[in-house]
Structure formats: C-alpha cells, structure tokens
N, C-alpha and C. Protein backbone atom coordinates (compact mmCIF):
# COMPACT_ATOMS: atom_id res chain seq x y z
N UNK A 1 0.84 -1.17 0.02
CA UNK A 1 0.03 0.04 -0.01
C UNK A 1 0.89 1.26 0.02
N UNK A 2 1.96 1.24 0.74
CA UNK A 2 2.85 2.39 0.82
C UNK A 2 3.50 2.71 -0.52
N UNK A 3 3.85 1.62 -1.24
CA UNK A 3 4.47 1.79 -2.56
C UNK A 3 3.53 2.37 -3.51
N UNK A 4 2.28 1.86 -3.50
CA UNK A 4 1.26 2.40 -4.42
C UNK A 4 0.93 3.87 -4.09
N UNK A 5 0.85 4.22 -2.83
CA UNK A 5 0.58 5.60 -2.42
C UNK A 5 1.73 6.50 -2.88
N UNK A 6 2.98 6.07 -2.78
CA UNK A 6 4.11 6.79 -3.24
C UNK A 6 4.06 7.07 -4.73
N UNK A 7 3.65 6.03 -5.46
CA UNK A 7 3.59 6.25 -6.91
C UNK A 7 2.47 7.22 -7.25
N UNK A 8 1.43 7.26 -6.49
CA UNK A 8 0.31 8.20 -6.72
C UNK A 8 0.74 9.62 -6.46
N UNK A 9 1.81 9.90 -5.77
CA UNK A 9 2.22 11.32 -5.52
C UNK A 9 2.76 11.92 -6.82
N UNK A 10 3.00 11.14 -7.85
CA UNK A 10 3.52 11.70 -9.10
C UNK A 10 2.51 12.62 -9.73
N UNK A 11 1.22 12.43 -9.39
CA UNK A 11 0.12 13.20 -9.97
C UNK A 11 -0.17 14.54 -9.19
N UNK A 12 0.54 14.71 -8.08
CA UNK A 12 0.26 15.86 -7.25
C UNK A 12 1.21 17.03 -7.55
N UNK A 13 0.68 18.24 -7.47
CA UNK A 13 1.58 19.46 -7.61
C UNK A 13 2.10 19.76 -6.23
N UNK A 14 3.41 20.00 -6.13
CA UNK A 14 3.96 20.35 -4.82
C UNK A 14 3.57 21.77 -4.42
N UNK A 15 3.15 21.97 -3.15
CA UNK A 15 2.77 23.25 -2.69
C UNK A 15 3.73 23.84 -1.71
N UNK A 16 4.64 23.00 -1.22
CA UNK A 16 5.67 23.47 -0.32
C UNK A 16 6.90 22.65 -0.45
N UNK A 17 7.98 23.04 0.07
CA UNK A 17 9.25 22.30 0.00
C UNK A 17 10.12 22.62 -1.20
N UNK A 18 11.14 21.91 -1.38
CA UNK A 18 12.10 22.18 -2.47
C UNK A 18 11.57 22.04 -3.84
N UNK A 19 10.50 21.21 -3.99
CA UNK A 19 9.96 21.02 -5.36
C UNK A 19 8.95 22.08 -5.73
N UNK A 20 8.51 22.93 -4.81
CA UNK A 20 7.49 23.92 -5.11
C UNK A 20 7.84 24.86 -6.27
N UNK A 21 9.03 25.37 -6.36
CA UNK A 21 9.39 26.27 -7.48
C UNK A 21 9.26 25.55 -8.84
N UNK A 22 9.30 24.26 -8.82
CA UNK A 22 9.30 23.46 -10.10
C UNK A 22 7.96 22.76 -10.30
N UNK A 23 6.84 23.35 -9.77
CA UNK A 23 5.57 22.71 -9.66
C UNK A 23 5.14 22.00 -10.91
N UNK A 24 4.99 22.64 -12.06
CA UNK A 24 4.50 22.03 -13.24
C UNK A 24 5.52 20.96 -13.81
N UNK A 25 6.79 21.27 -13.68
CA UNK A 25 7.85 20.33 -14.18
C UNK A 25 7.93 19.11 -13.37
N UNK A 26 7.52 19.12 -12.12
CA UNK A 26 7.71 17.97 -11.22
C UNK A 26 6.58 16.96 -11.38
N UNK A 27 5.55 17.32 -12.15
CA UNK A 27 4.45 16.35 -12.38
C UNK A 27 5.04 15.10 -13.06
N UNK A 28 4.60 13.96 -12.65
CA UNK A 28 5.08 12.67 -13.20
C UNK A 28 6.26 12.13 -12.40
N UNK A 29 6.78 12.90 -11.43
CA UNK A 29 7.85 12.41 -10.58
C UNK A 29 7.29 12.16 -9.18
N UNK A 30 7.42 10.94 -8.69
CA UNK A 30 6.88 10.69 -7.33
C UNK A 30 7.69 11.42 -6.25
N UNK A 31 7.12 11.70 -5.14
CA UNK A 31 7.78 12.31 -4.02
C UNK A 31 8.86 11.40 -3.47
N UNK A 32 10.07 11.88 -3.36
CA UNK A 32 11.23 11.09 -2.94
C UNK A 32 11.05 10.52 -1.60
N UNK A 33 10.50 11.27 -0.68
CA UNK A 33 10.35 10.79 0.72
C UNK A 33 9.33 9.70 0.83
N UNK A 34 8.25 9.86 0.04
CA UNK A 34 7.19 8.75 0.03
C UNK A 34 7.75 7.53 -0.63
N UNK A 35 8.56 7.67 -1.65
CA UNK A 35 9.15 6.48 -2.32
C UNK A 35 10.11 5.79 -1.35
N UNK A 36 10.95 6.56 -0.65
CA UNK A 36 11.83 5.97 0.32
C UNK A 36 11.06 5.25 1.45
N UNK A 37 10.01 5.82 1.89
CA UNK A 37 9.21 5.21 2.95
C UNK A 37 8.64 3.91 2.48
N UNK A 38 8.15 3.89 1.22
CA UNK A 38 7.62 2.68 0.69
C UNK A 38 8.68 1.55 0.61
N UNK A 39 9.92 1.90 0.28
CA UNK A 39 10.98 0.89 0.26
C UNK A 39 11.29 0.39 1.66
N UNK A 40 11.30 1.29 2.65
CA UNK A 40 11.60 0.85 4.02
C UNK A 40 10.51 -0.05 4.56
N UNK A 41 9.26 0.32 4.30
CA UNK A 41 8.14 -0.51 4.78
C UNK A 41 8.12 -1.89 4.13
N UNK A 42 8.42 -1.88 2.85
CA UNK A 42 8.50 -3.16 2.07
C UNK A 42 9.64 -4.03 2.65
N UNK A 43 10.80 -3.49 2.92
CA UNK A 43 11.89 -4.26 3.49
C UNK A 43 11.57 -4.74 4.88
N UNK A 44 10.99 -3.86 5.69
CA UNK A 44 10.63 -4.26 7.07
C UNK A 44 9.56 -5.42 7.09
N UNK A 45 8.63 -5.33 6.19
CA UNK A 45 7.61 -6.36 6.05
C UNK A 45 8.23 -7.69 5.61
N UNK A 46 9.13 -7.69 4.73
CA UNK A 46 9.81 -8.90 4.25
C UNK A 46 10.61 -9.48 5.42
N UNK A 47 11.32 -8.63 6.14
CA UNK A 47 12.12 -9.13 7.31
C UNK A 47 11.25 -9.74 8.38
N UNK A 48 10.13 -9.08 8.66
CA UNK A 48 9.28 -9.62 9.71
C UNK A 48 8.51 -10.84 9.34
N UNK A 49 8.37 -11.10 8.06
CA UNK A 49 7.48 -12.22 7.59
C UNK A 49 8.35 -13.48 7.42
N UNK A 50 9.65 -13.41 7.54
CA UNK A 50 10.55 -14.56 7.38
C UNK A 50 10.26 -15.53 8.51
N UNK A 51 10.16 -16.78 8.16
CA UNK A 51 9.83 -17.86 9.17
C UNK A 51 11.11 -18.25 9.86
N UNK A 52 12.31 -17.97 9.36
CA UNK A 52 13.54 -18.45 9.95
C UNK A 52 14.20 -17.32 10.76
N UNK A 53 13.32 -16.43 11.35
CA UNK A 53 13.87 -15.29 12.10
C UNK A 53 14.41 -15.84 13.42
N UNK A 54 15.50 -15.19 13.84
CA UNK A 54 16.13 -15.53 15.11
C UNK A 54 15.30 -14.91 16.20
N UNK A 55 15.03 -15.65 17.22
CA UNK A 55 14.24 -15.13 18.37
C UNK A 55 15.06 -14.83 19.54
C-alpha cells in the first residue's frame, strides 16, 4: 500500500518544500520521501515475515 501511495504522488503538484518552484515540471515524478518510505516498509515487512527469524 505504501508503494502504491508513493507512486500516486507523481500526480500531485507540490505546494511546499524544495519542489514547489518546479511545480509543473515535477508532475510525473513521485515524491522522494514517500518513495523511500515505501521501500523501508516493504523491506521491514519482508524481514518480519521470514519464518527463519532468530528469536
């Protein structure tokens, strides 16, 4: 879900932050923070779902 939400940010116009001055040109590019968060959540889920986890 986090990865899909990050991809959906590509359709949003930035209203604040470093991308704001490039509003129209940044369309089509997903938010870097949201993308990173999606990667972290995906890696954490994979690590937690392993059956051979050390206890």
